[in-house]
C-alpha atoms as a PDB file:
ATOM      1  CA  MET A   1      57.829  70.936  -0.147  1.00  0.00           C
ATOM      2  CA  LEU A   2      55.544  69.520  -2.832  1.00  0.00           C
ATOM      3  CA  ASN A   3      54.854  65.768  -2.775  1.00  0.00           C
ATOM      4  CA  ILE A   4      54.513  64.585  -6.376  1.00  0.00           C
ATOM      5  CA  GLN A   5      52.254  61.699  -5.331  1.00  0.00           C
ATOM      6  CA  ASN A   6      49.592  64.258  -4.398  1.00  0.00           C
ATOM      7  CA  LEU A   7      49.500  65.484  -8.006  1.00  0.00           C
ATOM      8  CA  ILE A   8      48.414  62.179  -9.499  1.00  0.00           C
ATOM      9  CA  ASP A   9      44.948  60.713  -9.029  1.00  0.00           C
ATOM     10  CA  ASP A  10      44.400  57.000  -8.236  1.00  0.00           C
ATOM     11  CA  ALA A  11      41.068  56.970 -10.058  1.00  0.00           C
ATOM     12  CA  LYS A  12      42.686  58.295 -13.231  1.00  0.00           C
ATOM     13  CA  CYS A  13      45.421  55.638 -12.999  1.00  0.00           C
ATOM     14  CA  TYR A  14      42.824  52.864 -12.775  1.00  0.00           C
ATOM     15  CA  ASP A  15      40.804  54.378 -15.639  1.00  0.00           C
ATOM     16  CA  THR A  16      43.946  54.421 -17.774  1.00  0.00           C
ATOM     17  CA  ILE A  17      44.801  50.813 -16.875  1.00  0.00           C
ATOM     18  CA  ARG A  18      41.280  49.703 -17.843  1.00  0.00           C
ATOM     19  CA  ALA A  19      41.381  51.601 -21.140  1.00  0.00           C
ATOM     20  CA  LEU A  20      44.780  50.185 -22.101  1.00  0.00           C
ATOM     21  CA  ARG A  21      44.071  46.665 -20.912  1.00  0.00           C
ATOM     22  CA  TRP A  22      40.548  46.254 -22.275  1.00  0.00           C
ATOM     23  CA  PRO A  23      40.021  48.666 -25.205  1.00  0.00           C
ATOM     24  CA  ASP A  24      37.027  46.580 -26.398  1.00  0.00           C
ATOM     25  CA  GLY A  25      35.493  46.013 -22.964  1.00  0.00           C
ATOM     26  CA  VAL A  26      36.434  43.996 -19.899  1.00  0.00           C
ATOM     27  CA  ARG A  27      37.271  40.334 -20.485  1.00  0.00           C
ATOM     28  CA  CYS A  28      37.915  37.584 -17.966  1.00  0.00           C
ATOM     29  CA  VAL A  29      41.650  37.233 -17.316  1.00  0.00           C
ATOM     30  CA  HIS A  30      41.218  33.475 -16.858  1.00  0.00           C
ATOM     31  CA  CYS A  31      39.035  32.335 -19.791  1.00  0.00           C
ATOM     32  CA  ARG A  32      38.888  35.531 -21.966  1.00  0.00           C
ATOM     33  CA  SER A  33      35.056  35.576 -21.809  1.00  0.00           C
ATOM     34  CA  ALA A  34      33.208  38.869 -22.243  1.00  0.00           C
ATOM     35  CA  ALA A  35      30.415  37.652 -19.909  1.00  0.00           C
ATOM     36  CA  VAL A  36      31.684  39.672 -16.955  1.00  0.00           C
ATOM     37  CA  THR A  37      29.809  41.568 -14.253  1.00  0.00           C
ATOM     38  CA  LYS A  38      31.077  44.273 -11.938  1.00  0.00           C
ATOM     39  CA  GLN A  39      31.149  43.137  -8.323  1.00  0.00           C
ATOM     40  CA  GLY A  40      31.887  46.239  -6.278  1.00  0.00           C
ATOM     41  CA  ARG A  41      35.175  47.810  -5.313  1.00  0.00           C
ATOM     42  CA  ASP A  42      38.248  46.672  -3.426  1.00  0.00           C
ATOM     43  CA  THR A  43      38.148  47.586   0.279  1.00  0.00           C
ATOM     44  CA  THR A  44      41.773  48.782   0.423  1.00  0.00           C
ATOM     45  CA  HIS A  45      41.798  50.562  -2.957  1.00  0.00           C
ATOM     46  CA  PRO A  46      38.320  51.976  -3.636  1.00  0.00           C
ATOM     47  CA  GLU A  47      39.195  52.853  -7.252  1.00  0.00           C
ATOM     48  CA  ARG A  48      39.990  49.188  -8.057  1.00  0.00           C
ATOM     49  CA  GLN A  49      36.975  47.484  -9.644  1.00  0.00           C
ATOM     50  CA  LYS A  50      36.239  43.805  -8.898  1.00  0.00           C
ATOM     51  CA  TYR A  51      34.638  41.506 -11.491  1.00  0.00           C
ATOM     52  CA  LEU A  52      33.025  38.075 -11.690  1.00  0.00           C
ATOM     53  CA  CYS A  53      33.108  35.960 -14.855  1.00  0.00           C
ATOM     54  CA  LYS A  54      29.729  34.361 -15.601  1.00  0.00           C
ATOM     55  CA  ASP A  55      31.327  31.621 -17.704  1.00  0.00           C
ATOM     56  CA  CYS A  56      34.135  30.296 -15.507  1.00  0.00           C
ATOM     57  CA  GLY A  57      32.846  31.694 -12.182  1.00  0.00           C
ATOM     58  CA  ARG A  58      36.212  33.176 -11.191  1.00  0.00           C
ATOM     59  CA  TRP A  59      36.858  36.563  -9.606  1.00  0.00           C
ATOM     60  CA  PHE A  60      39.405  39.107 -10.785  1.00  0.00           C
ATOM     61  CA  ASP A  61      40.055  42.829 -10.592  1.00  0.00           C
ATOM     62  CA  ASP A  62      41.665  45.605 -12.636  1.00  0.00           C
ATOM     63  CA  LEU A  63      45.180  44.493 -11.712  1.00  0.00           C
ATOM     64  CA  SER A  64      44.796  40.695 -11.759  1.00  0.00           C
ATOM     65  CA  GLU A  65      47.421  38.940 -13.871  1.00  0.00           C
ATOM     66  CA  THR A  66      49.452  42.148 -14.318  1.00  0.00           C
ATOM     67  CA  ILE A  67      52.841  43.169 -12.958  1.00  0.00           C
ATOM     68  CA  PHE A  68      51.005  45.452 -10.524  1.00  0.00           C
ATOM     69  CA  ALA A  69      49.045  42.630  -8.855  1.00  0.00           C
ATOM     70  CA  ARG A  70      49.723  41.483  -5.281  1.00  0.00           C
ATOM     71  CA  HIS A  71      51.814  44.483  -4.228  1.00  0.00           C
ATOM     72  CA  HIS A  72      51.293  46.865  -1.361  1.00  0.00           C
ATOM     73  CA  GLN A  73      52.320  50.018  -3.251  1.00  0.00           C
ATOM     74  CA  PRO A  74      49.444  52.078  -4.668  1.00  0.00           C
ATOM     75  CA  LEU A  75      49.046  52.102  -8.450  1.00  0.00           C
ATOM     76  CA  ARG A  76      49.979  55.789  -8.630  1.00  0.00           C
ATOM     77  CA  THR A  77      53.376  54.914  -7.104  1.00  0.00           C
ATOM     78  CA  TRP A  78      53.977  52.349  -9.853  1.00  0.00           C
ATOM     79  CA  VAL A  79      52.920  54.854 -12.531  1.00  0.00           C
ATOM     80  CA  LEU A  80      55.228  57.519 -11.113  1.00  0.00           C
ATOM     81  CA  CYS A  81      58.067  55.008 -10.869  1.00  0.00           C
ATOM     82  CA  LEU A  82      57.588  54.173 -14.550  1.00  0.00           C
ATOM     83  CA  TYR A  83      57.500  57.888 -15.377  1.00  0.00           C
ATOM     84  CA  PHE A  84      60.760  58.509 -13.498  1.00  0.00           C
ATOM     85  CA  MET A  85      62.358  55.543 -15.251  1.00  0.00           C
ATOM     86  CA  GLY A  86      61.427  57.244 -18.535  1.00  0.00           C
ATOM     87  CA  LEU A  87      63.220  60.353 -17.316  1.00  0.00           C
ATOM     88  CA  ASN A  88      66.273  58.131 -16.735  1.00  0.00           C
ATOM     89  CA  LEU A  89      66.411  58.754 -12.994  1.00  0.00           C
ATOM     90  CA  SER A  90      68.480  56.351 -10.932  1.00  0.00           C
ATOM     91  CA  ASN A  91      66.814  53.991  -8.450  1.00  0.00           C
ATOM     92  CA  ARG A  92      68.237  56.148  -5.652  1.00  0.00           C
ATOM     93  CA  GLN A  93      66.665  59.299  -7.128  1.00  0.00           C
ATOM     94  CA  ILE A  94      63.332  57.509  -7.649  1.00  0.00           C
ATOM     95  CA  GLY A  95      63.418  56.352  -4.025  1.00  0.00           C
ATOM     96  CA  ILE A  96      63.957  59.922  -2.853  1.00  0.00           C
ATOM     97  CA  GLU A  97      61.147  61.297  -5.038  1.00  0.00           C
ATOM     98  CA  LEU A  98      58.664  58.607  -3.977  1.00  0.00           C
ATOM     99  CA  ASP A  99      59.883  58.339  -0.386  1.00  0.00           C
ATOM    100  CA  LEU A 100      60.592  54.623  -0.805  1.00  0.00           C
ATOM    101  CA  ASN A 101      63.292  52.270   0.431  1.00  0.00           C
ATOM    102  CA  LYS A 102      66.023  51.663  -2.162  1.00  0.00           C
ATOM    103  CA  ASP A 103      65.364  47.901  -2.083  1.00  0.00           C
ATOM    104  CA  ASP A 104      61.660  48.455  -2.834  1.00  0.00           C
ATOM    105  CA  VAL A 105      62.559  50.726  -5.746  1.00  0.00           C
ATOM    106  CA  GLN A 106      65.035  48.148  -7.053  1.00  0.00           C
ATOM    107  CA  ARG A 107      62.334  45.446  -7.039  1.00  0.00           C
ATOM    108  CA  MET A 108      59.801  47.748  -8.665  1.00  0.00           C
ATOM    109  CA  THR A 109      62.091  48.923 -11.470  1.00  0.00           C
ATOM    110  CA  ARG A 110      63.261  45.362 -12.153  1.00  0.00           C
ATOM    111  CA  GLN A 111      59.668  44.170 -12.343  1.00  0.00           C
ATOM    112  CA  LEU A 112      58.652  47.069 -14.604  1.00  0.00           C
ATOM    113  CA  ARG A 113      61.588  46.411 -16.947  1.00  0.00           C
ATOM    114  CA  GLU A 114      60.753  42.693 -17.094  1.00  0.00           C
ATOM    115  CA  GLY A 115      57.117  43.546 -17.845  1.00  0.00           C
ATOM    116  CA  ILE A 116      58.109  45.925 -20.632  1.00  0.00           C
ATOM    117  CA  GLU A 117      60.503  43.370 -22.095  1.00  0.00           C
ATOM    118  CA  ALA A 118      57.875  40.606 -21.977  1.00  0.00           C
ATOM    119  CA  LYS A 119      55.452  42.755 -23.996  1.00  0.00           C
ATOM    120  CA  GLN A 120      57.981  43.617 -26.710  1.00  0.00           C
ATOM    121  CA  PRO A 121      57.171  41.907 -29.996  1.00  0.00           C
ATOM    122  CA  PRO A 122      59.955  39.747 -31.404  1.00  0.00           C
ATOM    123  CA  PRO A 123      62.049  41.564 -34.006  1.00  0.00           C
ATOM    124  CA  LEU A 124      60.899  40.945 -37.551  1.00  0.00           C
ATOM    125  CA  LEU A 125      63.448  41.297 -40.321  1.00  0.00           C
ATOM    126  CA  THR A 126      62.054  41.925 -43.790  1.00  0.00           C
ATOM    127  CA  GLY A 127      63.563  42.630 -47.129  1.00  0.00           C
ATOM    128  CA  GLU A 128      67.284  42.381 -47.693  1.00  0.00           C
ATOM    129  CA  VAL A 129      69.331  42.002 -44.512  1.00  0.00           C
ATOM    130  CA  GLU A 130      73.102  42.437 -44.545  1.00  0.00           C
ATOM    131  CA  ALA A 131      75.702  41.564 -41.949  1.00  0.00           C
ATOM    132  CA  ASP A 132      79.428  42.257 -42.001  1.00  0.00           C
ATOM    133  CA  GLU A 133      81.999  39.773 -40.777  1.00  0.00           C
ATOM    134  CA  VAL A 134      84.291  40.676 -37.952  1.00  0.00           C
ATOM    135  CA  TYR A 135      87.581  38.971 -37.110  1.00  0.00           C
ATOM    136  CA  VAL A 136      89.108  39.770 -33.747  1.00  0.00           C
ATOM    137  CA  VAL A 137      92.582  38.556 -32.823  1.00  0.00           C
ATOM    138  CA  ALA A 138      92.794  37.674 -29.155  1.00  0.00           C
ATOM    139  CA  GLY A 139      96.136  36.199 -28.153  1.00  0.00           C
ATOM    140  CA  HIS A 140      97.342  33.410 -30.442  1.00  0.00           C
ATOM    141  CA  LYS A 141      93.962  32.342 -31.727  1.00  0.00           C
ATOM    142  CA  GLY A 142      94.114  31.895 -35.452  1.00  0.00           C
ATOM    143  CA  HIS A 143      97.943  31.910 -35.455  1.00  0.00           C
ATOM    144  CA  PRO A 144      99.112  28.335 -34.795  1.00  0.00           C
ATOM    145  CA  GLU A 145     102.673  29.203 -35.836  1.00  0.00           C
ATOM    146  CA  ALA A 146     102.945  31.612 -32.885  1.00  0.00           C
ATOM    147  CA  VAL A 147     101.881  28.810 -30.534  1.00  0.00           C
ATOM    148  CA  LYS A 148     104.512  26.468 -32.022  1.00  0.00           C
ATOM    149  CA  LYS A 149     107.265  29.092 -31.508  1.00  0.00           C
ATOM    150  CA  SER A 150     106.137  29.562 -27.902  1.00  0.00           C
ATOM    151  CA  ASN A 151     106.347  25.818 -27.222  1.00  0.00           C
ATOM    152  CA  ALA A 152     109.789  25.583 -28.832  1.00  0.00           C
ATOM    153  CA  ARG A 153     111.130  28.170 -26.354  1.00  0.00           C
ATOM    154  CA  GLY A 154     109.752  26.258 -23.398  1.00  0.00           C
ATOM    155  CA  GLY A 155     106.635  28.360 -23.049  1.00  0.00           C
ATOM    156  CA  VAL A 156     103.177  27.138 -22.248  1.00  0.00           C
ATOM    157  CA  ALA A 157     100.869  26.379 -25.140  1.00  0.00           C
ATOM    158  CA  ALA A 158      97.839  28.581 -25.325  1.00  0.00           C
END
């Protein structure tokens, strides 16, 4: 059986994250300074670059301050999870494909959805905007005469 995680490369995932996150070059995640130096690689994930900001003196890496930070799953697992979400697979199916516990998949998909939602720009309405009115009758609302008749017969007022 083919394991899909073997088809995706960690180095390529990190390269993609860097390109999307810093299209104009790496910037400090704390102070936004461009005075950043590379400071080697992470010991557990050799593809993850570490950085030091010369202005604020703080350390960060490729995943700092992202939804992928501080998790034990490799980046390729997160990327594949996002891909499977795009294919509209259920959490159960994603768990089977990635050989993950259903609770882990639930947390990952929730976090990915929240991250996507947080990055969505607010809707901007321009030009002429129209809205139709809707009136829905639910019970006696809007019909006080029906309530009066109900009370006259000994019923309970709504």
